[in-house]
């Protein structure tokens, strides 16, 4: 995803089923740590 602009993404929590936003800033943090998977759980 390098070189692409990041946008907020709506995801569904696999534990409680509610929707949460994976922000562009969070995506940038994940990339900086070498994480490739999106989060699957919301922040309670």
PDB file of N, CA and C in Angstrom:
ATOM      1  N   UNK A   1       0.813  -1.203   0.000  1.00  0.00           N
ATOM      2  CA  UNK A   1       0.000   0.000   0.000  1.00  0.00           C
ATOM      3  C   UNK A   1       0.853   1.262   0.000  1.00  0.00           C
ATOM      4  N   UNK A   2       2.126   1.123  -0.127  1.00  0.00           N
ATOM      5  CA  UNK A   2       2.960   2.304  -0.148  1.00  0.00           C
ATOM      6  C   UNK A   2       2.634   3.142  -1.367  1.00  0.00           C
ATOM      7  N   UNK A   3       2.557   4.449  -1.164  1.00  0.00           N
ATOM      8  CA  UNK A   3       2.258   5.347  -2.251  1.00  0.00           C
ATOM      9  C   UNK A   3       0.781   5.595  -2.449  1.00  0.00           C
ATOM     10  N   UNK A   4      -0.061   4.816  -1.798  1.00  0.00           N
ATOM     11  CA  UNK A   4      -1.504   5.010  -1.908  1.00  0.00           C
ATOM     12  C   UNK A   4      -1.985   5.844  -0.733  1.00  0.00           C
ATOM     13  N   UNK A   5      -2.990   6.667  -0.983  1.00  0.00           N
ATOM     14  CA  UNK A   5      -3.537   7.449   0.119  1.00  0.00           C
ATOM     15  C   UNK A   5      -4.455   6.555   0.944  1.00  0.00           C
ATOM     16  N   UNK A   6      -4.382   6.713   2.244  1.00  0.00           N
ATOM     17  CA  UNK A   6      -5.182   5.907   3.157  1.00  0.00           C
ATOM     18  C   UNK A   6      -6.475   6.633   3.487  1.00  0.00           C
ATOM     19  N   UNK A   7      -7.550   5.890   3.589  1.00  0.00           N
ATOM     20  CA  UNK A   7      -8.849   6.455   3.955  1.00  0.00           C
ATOM     21  C   UNK A   7      -9.436   5.625   5.089  1.00  0.00           C
ATOM     22  N   UNK A   8     -10.301   6.244   5.881  1.00  0.00           N
ATOM     23  CA  UNK A   8     -10.974   5.538   6.961  1.00  0.00           C
ATOM     24  C   UNK A   8     -11.804   4.392   6.385  1.00  0.00           C
ATOM     25  N   UNK A   9     -11.797   3.255   7.082  1.00  0.00           N
ATOM     26  CA  UNK A   9     -12.514   2.064   6.637  1.00  0.00           C
ATOM     27  C   UNK A   9     -13.435   1.599   7.760  1.00  0.00           C
ATOM     28  N   UNK A  10     -14.669   1.254   7.409  1.00  0.00           N
ATOM     29  CA  UNK A  10     -15.620   0.719   8.378  1.00  0.00           C
ATOM     30  C   UNK A  10     -15.471  -0.797   8.426  1.00  0.00           C
ATOM     31  N   UNK A  11     -15.214  -1.333   9.627  1.00  0.00           N
ATOM     32  CA  UNK A  11     -15.054  -2.772   9.817  1.00  0.00           C
ATOM     33  C   UNK A  11     -16.080  -3.271  10.823  1.00  0.00           C
ATOM     34  N   UNK A  12     -16.324  -4.567  10.829  1.00  0.00           N
ATOM     35  CA  UNK A  12     -17.253  -5.174  11.773  1.00  0.00           C
ATOM     36  C   UNK A  12     -16.477  -6.015  12.774  1.00  0.00           C
ATOM     37  N   UNK A  13     -16.737  -5.797  14.053  1.00  0.00           N
ATOM     38  CA  UNK A  13     -16.075  -6.542  15.120  1.00  0.00           C
ATOM     39  C   UNK A  13     -16.516  -7.996  15.070  1.00  0.00           C
ATOM     40  N   UNK A  14     -15.556  -8.914  15.088  1.00  0.00           N
ATOM     41  CA  UNK A  14     -15.909 -10.335  15.017  1.00  0.00           C
ATOM     42  C   UNK A  14     -16.405 -10.861  16.356  1.00  0.00           C
ATOM     43  N   UNK A  15     -16.206 -10.096  17.424  1.00  0.00           N
ATOM     44  CA  UNK A  15     -16.631 -10.543  18.744  1.00  0.00           C
ATOM     45  C   UNK A  15     -18.036 -10.061  19.097  1.00  0.00           C
ATOM     46  N   UNK A  16     -18.298  -8.749  18.927  1.00  0.00           N
ATOM     47  CA  UNK A  16     -19.599  -8.208  19.337  1.00  0.00           C
ATOM     48  C   UNK A  16     -20.501  -7.847  18.159  1.00  0.00           C
ATOM     49  N   UNK A  17     -19.950  -7.810  16.934  1.00  0.00           N
ATOM     50  CA  UNK A  17     -20.754  -7.539  15.752  1.00  0.00           C
ATOM     51  C   UNK A  17     -20.996  -6.074  15.440  1.00  0.00           C
ATOM     52  N   UNK A  18     -20.500  -5.167  16.279  1.00  0.00           N
ATOM     53  CA  UNK A  18     -20.713  -3.747  16.006  1.00  0.00           C
ATOM     54  C   UNK A  18     -19.671  -3.237  15.012  1.00  0.00           C
ATOM     55  N   UNK A  19     -20.027  -2.150  14.327  1.00  0.00           N
ATOM     56  CA  UNK A  19     -19.107  -1.557  13.368  1.00  0.00           C
ATOM     57  C   UNK A  19     -18.165  -0.596  14.079  1.00  0.00           C
ATOM     58  N   UNK A  20     -16.938  -0.512  13.578  1.00  0.00           N
ATOM     59  CA  UNK A  20     -15.974   0.447  14.090  1.00  0.00           C
ATOM     60  C   UNK A  20     -15.141   0.962  12.929  1.00  0.00           C
ATOM     61  N   UNK A  21     -14.517   2.111  13.126  1.00  0.00           N
ATOM     62  CA  UNK A  21     -13.740   2.760  12.069  1.00  0.00           C
ATOM     63  C   UNK A  21     -12.251   2.477  12.272  1.00  0.00           C
ATOM     64  N   UNK A  22     -11.617   1.983  11.236  1.00  0.00           N
ATOM     65  CA  UNK A  22     -10.169   1.805  11.186  1.00  0.00           C
ATOM     66  C   UNK A  22      -9.639   3.036  10.463  1.00  0.00           C
ATOM     67  N   UNK A  23      -9.181   4.015  11.235  1.00  0.00           N
ATOM     68  CA  UNK A  23      -8.830   5.313  10.665  1.00  0.00           C
ATOM     69  C   UNK A  23      -7.551   5.251   9.830  1.00  0.00           C
ATOM     70  N   UNK A  24      -7.385   6.255   8.995  1.00  0.00           N
ATOM     71  CA  UNK A  24      -6.180   6.351   8.173  1.00  0.00           C
ATOM     72  C   UNK A  24      -4.939   6.417   9.063  1.00  0.00           C
ATOM     73  N   UNK A  25      -5.038   7.129  10.184  1.00  0.00           N
ATOM     74  CA  UNK A  25      -3.916   7.223  11.117  1.00  0.00           C
ATOM     75  C   UNK A  25      -3.567   5.873  11.727  1.00  0.00           C
ATOM     76  N   UNK A  26      -4.588   5.098  12.075  1.00  0.00           N
ATOM     77  CA  UNK A  26      -4.352   3.754  12.614  1.00  0.00           C
ATOM     78  C   UNK A  26      -3.726   2.858  11.547  1.00  0.00           C
ATOM     79  N   UNK A  27      -4.184   3.004  10.309  1.00  0.00           N
ATOM     80  CA  UNK A  27      -3.620   2.216   9.211  1.00  0.00           C
ATOM     81  C   UNK A  27      -2.145   2.555   9.013  1.00  0.00           C
ATOM     82  N   UNK A  28      -1.814   3.830   9.113  1.00  0.00           N
ATOM     83  CA  UNK A  28      -0.425   4.261   8.965  1.00  0.00           C
ATOM     84  C   UNK A  28       0.432   3.669  10.084  1.00  0.00           C
ATOM     85  N   UNK A  29      -0.102   3.656  11.315  1.00  0.00           N
ATOM     86  CA  UNK A  29       0.603   3.063  12.447  1.00  0.00           C
ATOM     87  C   UNK A  29       0.839   1.569  12.200  1.00  0.00           C
ATOM     88  N   UNK A  30      -0.191   0.857  11.757  1.00  0.00           N
ATOM     89  CA  UNK A  30      -0.060  -0.577  11.470  1.00  0.00           C
ATOM     90  C   UNK A  30       1.049  -0.800  10.446  1.00  0.00           C
ATOM     91  N   UNK A  31       1.061   0.013   9.379  1.00  0.00           N
ATOM     92  CA  UNK A  31       2.085  -0.130   8.342  1.00  0.00           C
ATOM     93  C   UNK A  31       3.473   0.123   8.904  1.00  0.00           C
ATOM     94  N   UNK A  32       3.604   1.121   9.785  1.00  0.00           N
ATOM     95  CA  UNK A  32       4.916   1.450  10.339  1.00  0.00           C
ATOM     96  C   UNK A  32       5.462   0.326  11.212  1.00  0.00           C
ATOM     97  N   UNK A  33       4.571  -0.500  11.763  1.00  0.00           N
ATOM     98  CA  UNK A  33       4.978  -1.633  12.602  1.00  0.00           C
ATOM     99  C   UNK A  33       5.094  -2.929  11.804  1.00  0.00           C
ATOM    100  N   UNK A  34       4.830  -2.853  10.500  1.00  0.00           N
ATOM    101  CA  UNK A  34       4.928  -4.026   9.646  1.00  0.00           C
ATOM    102  C   UNK A  34       3.729  -4.963   9.740  1.00  0.00           C
ATOM    103  N   UNK A  35       2.632  -4.485  10.309  1.00  0.00           N
ATOM    104  CA  UNK A  35       1.425  -5.300  10.428  1.00  0.00           C
ATOM    105  C   UNK A  35       0.655  -5.250   9.115  1.00  0.00           C
ATOM    106  N   UNK A  36       0.214  -6.393   8.626  1.00  0.00           N
ATOM    107  CA  UNK A  36      -0.457  -6.434   7.330  1.00  0.00           C
ATOM    108  C   UNK A  36      -1.954  -6.725   7.429  1.00  0.00           C
ATOM    109  N   UNK A  37      -2.410  -7.250   8.557  1.00  0.00           N
ATOM    110  CA  UNK A  37      -3.829  -7.563   8.725  1.00  0.00           C
ATOM    111  C   UNK A  37      -4.572  -6.416   9.394  1.00  0.00           C
ATOM    112  N   UNK A  38      -5.810  -6.219   8.982  1.00  0.00           N
ATOM    113  CA  UNK A  38      -6.660  -5.219   9.624  1.00  0.00           C
ATOM    114  C   UNK A  38      -7.111  -5.754  10.979  1.00  0.00           C
ATOM    115  N   UNK A  39      -7.452  -4.854  11.919  1.00  0.00           N
ATOM    116  CA  UNK A  39      -7.958  -5.330  13.205  1.00  0.00           C
ATOM    117  C   UNK A  39      -9.296  -6.041  13.017  1.00  0.00           C
ATOM    118  N   UNK A  40      -9.587  -6.993  13.892  1.00  0.00           N
ATOM    119  CA  UNK A  40     -10.837  -7.739  13.787  1.00  0.00           C
ATOM    120  C   UNK A  40     -11.770  -7.470  14.959  1.00  0.00           C
ATOM    121  N   UNK A  41     -11.265  -6.776  15.976  1.00  0.00           N
ATOM    122  CA  UNK A  41     -12.083  -6.478  17.152  1.00  0.00           C
ATOM    123  C   UNK A  41     -12.087  -4.975  17.416  1.00  0.00           C
ATOM    124  N   UNK A  42     -13.231  -4.489  17.897  1.00  0.00           N
ATOM    125  CA  UNK A  42     -13.337  -3.074  18.252  1.00  0.00           C
ATOM    126  C   UNK A  42     -12.681  -2.833  19.616  1.00  0.00           C
ATOM    127  N   UNK A  43     -12.511  -1.597  19.952  1.00  0.00           N
ATOM    128  CA  UNK A  43     -11.980  -1.221  21.263  1.00  0.00           C
ATOM    129  C   UNK A  43     -13.149  -1.080  22.226  1.00  0.00           C
ATOM    130  N   UNK A  44     -13.262  -1.944  23.229  1.00  0.00           N
ATOM    131  CA  UNK A  44     -14.413  -1.867  24.159  1.00  0.00           C
ATOM    132  C   UNK A  44     -14.416  -0.602  24.992  1.00  0.00           C
TER     133      UNK A  44
END
